Amino acid sequence: MDEVASKIIEILKKNMKDPPETISLDTKLSDLDIESLDLAVIVFDIEDSFGIEIPYNANEEMEDFATVGSVVERVRQLVSNSDASGAAA
């Protein structure tokens, strides 16, 4: 597991009321029983940790956030895009 995945799992566990002992990339977010307020805090924490902004449209992007692995991939894309635009500036 790489640094991005480890950090996201750490953020999830830190912000959940009763985190499971293990969270893998295949873990479905719906199985984690994350309350909506906790989810908002998790998103803000991920954004701050990686210096990104996560665009979210519940109707279009739910599949992007179905599993922990899909969140990790989306964050990697956003970090990569952020790095590329920063290099172009």
N, C-alpha and C. Protein backbone atom coordinates (compact mmCIF):
# COMPACT_ATOMS: atom_id res chain seq x y z
N MET A 1 0.86 -1.18 0.00
CA MET A 1 0.00 0.00 0.00
C MET A 1 0.90 1.24 0.00
N ASP A 2 0.58 2.19 -0.86
CA ASP A 2 1.43 3.37 -0.97
C ASP A 2 1.04 4.45 0.04
N GLU A 3 1.75 5.55 -0.01
CA GLU A 3 1.56 6.64 0.96
C GLU A 3 0.17 7.28 0.86
N VAL A 4 -0.34 7.45 -0.37
CA VAL A 4 -1.66 8.05 -0.54
C VAL A 4 -2.73 7.16 0.11
N ALA A 5 -2.68 5.87 -0.19
CA ALA A 5 -3.67 4.93 0.36
C ALA A 5 -3.57 4.88 1.89
N SER A 6 -2.37 4.79 2.41
CA SER A 6 -2.19 4.73 3.86
C SER A 6 -2.72 5.98 4.54
N LYS A 7 -2.46 7.15 3.95
CA LYS A 7 -2.92 8.41 4.54
C LYS A 7 -4.44 8.50 4.52
N ILE A 8 -5.07 8.07 3.43
CA ILE A 8 -6.53 8.13 3.34
C ILE A 8 -7.16 7.18 4.36
N ILE A 9 -6.61 6.00 4.51
CA ILE A 9 -7.14 5.06 5.50
C ILE A 9 -6.96 5.63 6.91
N GLU A 10 -5.83 6.26 7.15
CA GLU A 10 -5.58 6.90 8.46
C GLU A 10 -6.62 7.99 8.72
N ILE A 11 -6.91 8.80 7.70
CA ILE A 11 -7.90 9.87 7.84
C ILE A 11 -9.28 9.27 8.12
N LEU A 12 -9.64 8.22 7.40
CA LEU A 12 -10.94 7.57 7.63
C LEU A 12 -11.06 7.10 9.08
N LYS A 13 -10.05 6.37 9.54
CA LYS A 13 -10.10 5.82 10.90
C LYS A 13 -10.14 6.94 11.95
N LYS A 14 -9.39 7.99 11.71
CA LYS A 14 -9.32 9.10 12.67
C LYS A 14 -10.67 9.79 12.83
N ASN A 15 -11.45 9.84 11.76
CA ASN A 15 -12.69 10.61 11.76
C ASN A 15 -13.95 9.77 11.91
N MET A 16 -13.81 8.47 12.13
CA MET A 16 -14.97 7.60 12.33
C MET A 16 -15.18 7.37 13.82
N LYS A 17 -16.44 7.27 14.20
CA LYS A 17 -16.75 7.03 15.61
C LYS A 17 -16.33 5.63 16.07
N ASP A 18 -16.51 4.64 15.20
CA ASP A 18 -16.16 3.26 15.56
C ASP A 18 -15.52 2.57 14.35
N PRO A 19 -14.25 2.93 14.05
CA PRO A 19 -13.62 2.36 12.86
C PRO A 19 -13.33 0.87 13.01
N PRO A 20 -13.45 0.12 11.92
CA PRO A 20 -13.08 -1.30 11.98
C PRO A 20 -11.56 -1.43 12.12
N GLU A 21 -11.11 -2.59 12.57
CA GLU A 21 -9.68 -2.79 12.75
C GLU A 21 -8.93 -2.68 11.43
N THR A 22 -9.52 -3.25 10.38
CA THR A 22 -8.87 -3.20 9.08
C THR A 22 -9.77 -2.55 8.04
N ILE A 23 -9.16 -1.72 7.25
CA ILE A 23 -9.82 -1.11 6.11
C ILE A 23 -8.89 -1.34 4.93
N SER A 24 -9.41 -1.96 3.88
CA SER A 24 -8.60 -2.23 2.69
C SER A 24 -9.08 -1.36 1.54
N LEU A 25 -8.37 -1.43 0.43
CA LEU A 25 -8.77 -0.67 -0.75
C LEU A 25 -10.09 -1.17 -1.31
N ASP A 26 -10.44 -2.43 -1.03
CA ASP A 26 -11.69 -3.01 -1.52
C ASP A 26 -12.88 -2.71 -0.61
N THR A 27 -12.63 -2.13 0.55
CA THR A 27 -13.72 -1.83 1.48
C THR A 27 -14.68 -0.82 0.87
N LYS A 28 -15.96 -1.15 0.88
CA LYS A 28 -16.97 -0.23 0.37
C LYS A 28 -17.22 0.86 1.41
N LEU A 29 -17.29 2.10 0.96
CA LEU A 29 -17.55 3.19 1.89
C LEU A 29 -18.90 3.01 2.57
N SER A 30 -19.86 2.44 1.86
CA SER A 30 -21.19 2.23 2.44
C SER A 30 -21.14 1.23 3.59
N ASP A 31 -20.12 0.38 3.63
CA ASP A 31 -19.98 -0.60 4.72
C ASP A 31 -19.33 0.01 5.96
N LEU A 32 -18.82 1.22 5.86
CA LEU A 32 -18.10 1.83 6.98
C LEU A 32 -19.01 2.62 7.92
N ASP A 33 -20.27 2.75 7.60
CA ASP A 33 -21.20 3.47 8.46
C ASP A 33 -20.69 4.85 8.85
N ILE A 34 -20.27 5.61 7.85
CA ILE A 34 -19.77 6.97 8.08
C ILE A 34 -20.96 7.92 8.08
N GLU A 35 -21.11 8.67 9.16
CA GLU A 35 -22.19 9.65 9.24
C GLU A 35 -21.88 10.83 8.33
N SER A 36 -22.92 11.53 7.88
CA SER A 36 -22.74 12.60 6.90
C SER A 36 -21.81 13.71 7.40
N LEU A 37 -21.91 14.08 8.65
CA LEU A 37 -21.03 15.12 9.18
C LEU A 37 -19.58 14.62 9.21
N ASP A 38 -19.40 13.35 9.59
CA ASP A 38 -18.06 12.77 9.59
C ASP A 38 -17.49 12.73 8.17
N LEU A 39 -18.35 12.44 7.19
CA LEU A 39 -17.91 12.39 5.80
C LEU A 39 -17.40 13.75 5.35
N ALA A 40 -18.10 14.81 5.74
CA ALA A 40 -17.67 16.16 5.39
C ALA A 40 -16.29 16.45 6.00
N VAL A 41 -16.09 16.07 7.23
CA VAL A 41 -14.81 16.28 7.90
C VAL A 41 -13.72 15.47 7.20
N ILE A 42 -14.04 14.24 6.79
CA ILE A 42 -13.08 13.39 6.09
C ILE A 42 -12.67 14.04 4.77
N VAL A 43 -13.64 14.55 4.02
CA VAL A 43 -13.34 15.20 2.74
C VAL A 43 -12.44 16.40 2.96
N PHE A 44 -12.76 17.24 3.94
CA PHE A 44 -11.93 18.42 4.23
C PHE A 44 -10.52 18.00 4.65
N ASP A 45 -10.42 16.95 5.45
CA ASP A 45 -9.12 16.48 5.92
C ASP A 45 -8.28 15.97 4.74
N ILE A 46 -8.92 15.23 3.82
CA ILE A 46 -8.20 14.74 2.63
C ILE A 46 -7.74 15.92 1.78
N GLU A 47 -8.62 16.88 1.57
CA GLU A 47 -8.26 18.06 0.77
C GLU A 47 -7.07 18.79 1.39
N ASP A 48 -7.11 19.01 2.70
CA ASP A 48 -6.02 19.71 3.38
C ASP A 48 -4.72 18.91 3.33
N SER A 49 -4.82 17.61 3.52
CA SER A 49 -3.63 16.75 3.55
C SER A 49 -2.90 16.69 2.22
N PHE A 50 -3.67 16.73 1.13
CA PHE A 50 -3.07 16.58 -0.19
C PHE A 50 -3.04 17.88 -1.00
N GLY A 51 -3.56 18.97 -0.44
CA GLY A 51 -3.55 20.24 -1.15
C GLY A 51 -4.39 20.23 -2.42
N ILE A 52 -5.54 19.58 -2.34
CA ILE A 52 -6.43 19.46 -3.50
C ILE A 52 -7.83 19.90 -3.13
N GLU A 53 -8.67 20.02 -4.15
CA GLU A 53 -10.09 20.27 -3.93
C GLU A 53 -10.85 19.15 -4.61
N ILE A 54 -11.69 18.47 -3.85
CA ILE A 54 -12.45 17.35 -4.39
C ILE A 54 -13.79 17.85 -4.89
N PRO A 55 -13.97 17.89 -6.22
CA PRO A 55 -15.28 18.28 -6.73
C PRO A 55 -16.27 17.15 -6.46
N TYR A 56 -17.47 17.49 -6.08
CA TYR A 56 -18.42 16.44 -5.74
C TYR A 56 -19.80 16.79 -6.25
N ASN A 57 -20.32 15.91 -7.05
CA ASN A 57 -21.70 15.99 -7.52
C ASN A 57 -22.31 14.63 -7.25
N ALA A 58 -23.16 14.53 -6.26
CA ALA A 58 -23.69 13.25 -5.81
C ALA A 58 -24.35 12.46 -6.92
N ASN A 59 -24.94 13.14 -7.89
CA ASN A 59 -25.63 12.43 -8.96
C ASN A 59 -24.67 11.83 -9.98
N GLU A 60 -23.51 12.42 -10.15
CA GLU A 60 -22.60 11.99 -11.20
C GLU A 60 -21.39 11.23 -10.71
N GLU A 61 -20.97 11.44 -9.48
CA GLU A 61 -19.68 10.91 -9.07
C GLU A 61 -19.73 9.85 -7.96
N MET A 62 -20.88 9.31 -7.66
CA MET A 62 -20.95 8.32 -6.58
C MET A 62 -20.06 7.12 -6.86
N GLU A 63 -19.96 6.68 -8.11
CA GLU A 63 -19.13 5.53 -8.41
C GLU A 63 -17.65 5.83 -8.19
N ASP A 64 -17.26 7.11 -8.28
CA ASP A 64 -15.88 7.49 -7.99
C ASP A 64 -15.54 7.27 -6.52
N PHE A 65 -16.56 7.19 -5.69
CA PHE A 65 -16.34 7.07 -4.25
C PHE A 65 -17.02 5.83 -3.68
N ALA A 66 -17.09 4.75 -4.45
CA ALA A 66 -17.75 3.53 -4.00
C ALA A 66 -16.91 2.76 -2.99
N THR A 67 -15.60 2.71 -3.21
CA THR A 67 -14.70 1.97 -2.33
C THR A 67 -13.56 2.87 -1.88
N VAL A 68 -12.84 2.41 -0.88
CA VAL A 68 -11.66 3.15 -0.43
C VAL A 68 -10.67 3.28 -1.59
N GLY A 69 -10.52 2.21 -2.36
CA GLY A 69 -9.61 2.23 -3.51
C GLY A 69 -10.01 3.26 -4.54
N SER A 70 -11.31 3.43 -4.77
CA SER A 70 -11.76 4.43 -5.75
C SER A 70 -11.48 5.85 -5.24
N VAL A 71 -11.57 6.06 -3.94
CA VAL A 71 -11.22 7.36 -3.37
C VAL A 71 -9.72 7.61 -3.56
N VAL A 72 -8.92 6.59 -3.29
CA VAL A 72 -7.46 6.71 -3.44
C VAL A 72 -7.12 7.07 -4.89
N GLU A 73 -7.73 6.38 -5.85
CA GLU A 73 -7.45 6.66 -7.26
C GLU A 73 -7.85 8.09 -7.63
N ARG A 74 -9.00 8.52 -7.15
CA ARG A 74 -9.47 9.88 -7.45
C ARG A 74 -8.52 10.92 -6.85
N VAL A 75 -8.06 10.69 -5.63
CA VAL A 75 -7.11 11.62 -5.00
C VAL A 75 -5.80 11.64 -5.79
N ARG A 76 -5.33 10.47 -6.23
CA ARG A 76 -4.10 10.42 -7.04
C ARG A 76 -4.26 11.25 -8.31
N GLN A 77 -5.42 11.13 -8.97
CA GLN A 77 -5.68 11.90 -10.19
C GLN A 77 -5.64 13.40 -9.89
N LEU A 78 -6.32 13.80 -8.81
CA LEU A 78 -6.37 15.21 -8.46
C LEU A 78 -5.00 15.76 -8.09
N VAL A 79 -4.21 14.97 -7.37
CA VAL A 79 -2.86 15.39 -7.01
C VAL A 79 -2.01 15.51 -8.27
N SER A 80 -2.13 14.54 -9.16
CA SER A 80 -1.38 14.57 -10.41
C SER A 80 -1.76 15.79 -11.25
N ASN A 81 -3.06 16.07 -11.36
CA ASN A 81 -3.52 17.23 -12.11
C ASN A 81 -3.05 18.53 -11.46
N SER A 82 -3.05 18.56 -10.13
CA SER A 82 -2.61 19.73 -9.39
C SER A 82 -1.11 19.96 -9.63
N ASP A 83 -0.34 18.88 -9.59
CA ASP A 83 1.11 18.98 -9.84
C ASP A 83 1.39 19.46 -11.25
N ALA A 84 0.61 18.94 -12.23
CA ALA A 84 0.81 19.31 -13.63
C ALA A 84 0.45 20.78 -13.85
N SER A 85 -0.63 21.25 -13.26
CA SER A 85 -1.02 22.65 -13.45
C SER A 85 -0.07 23.58 -12.70
N GLY A 86 0.47 23.12 -11.59
CA GLY A 86 1.44 23.92 -10.85
C GLY A 86 2.74 24.05 -11.61
N ALA A 87 3.12 23.00 -12.33
CA ALA A 87 4.36 23.02 -13.12
C ALA A 87 4.20 23.92 -14.34
N ALA A 88 2.96 24.01 -14.84
CA ALA A 88 2.72 24.83 -16.02
C ALA A 88 2.66 26.32 -15.69
N ALA A 89 2.46 26.64 -14.43
CA ALA A 89 2.31 28.05 -14.03
C ALA A 89 3.62 28.79 -14.03
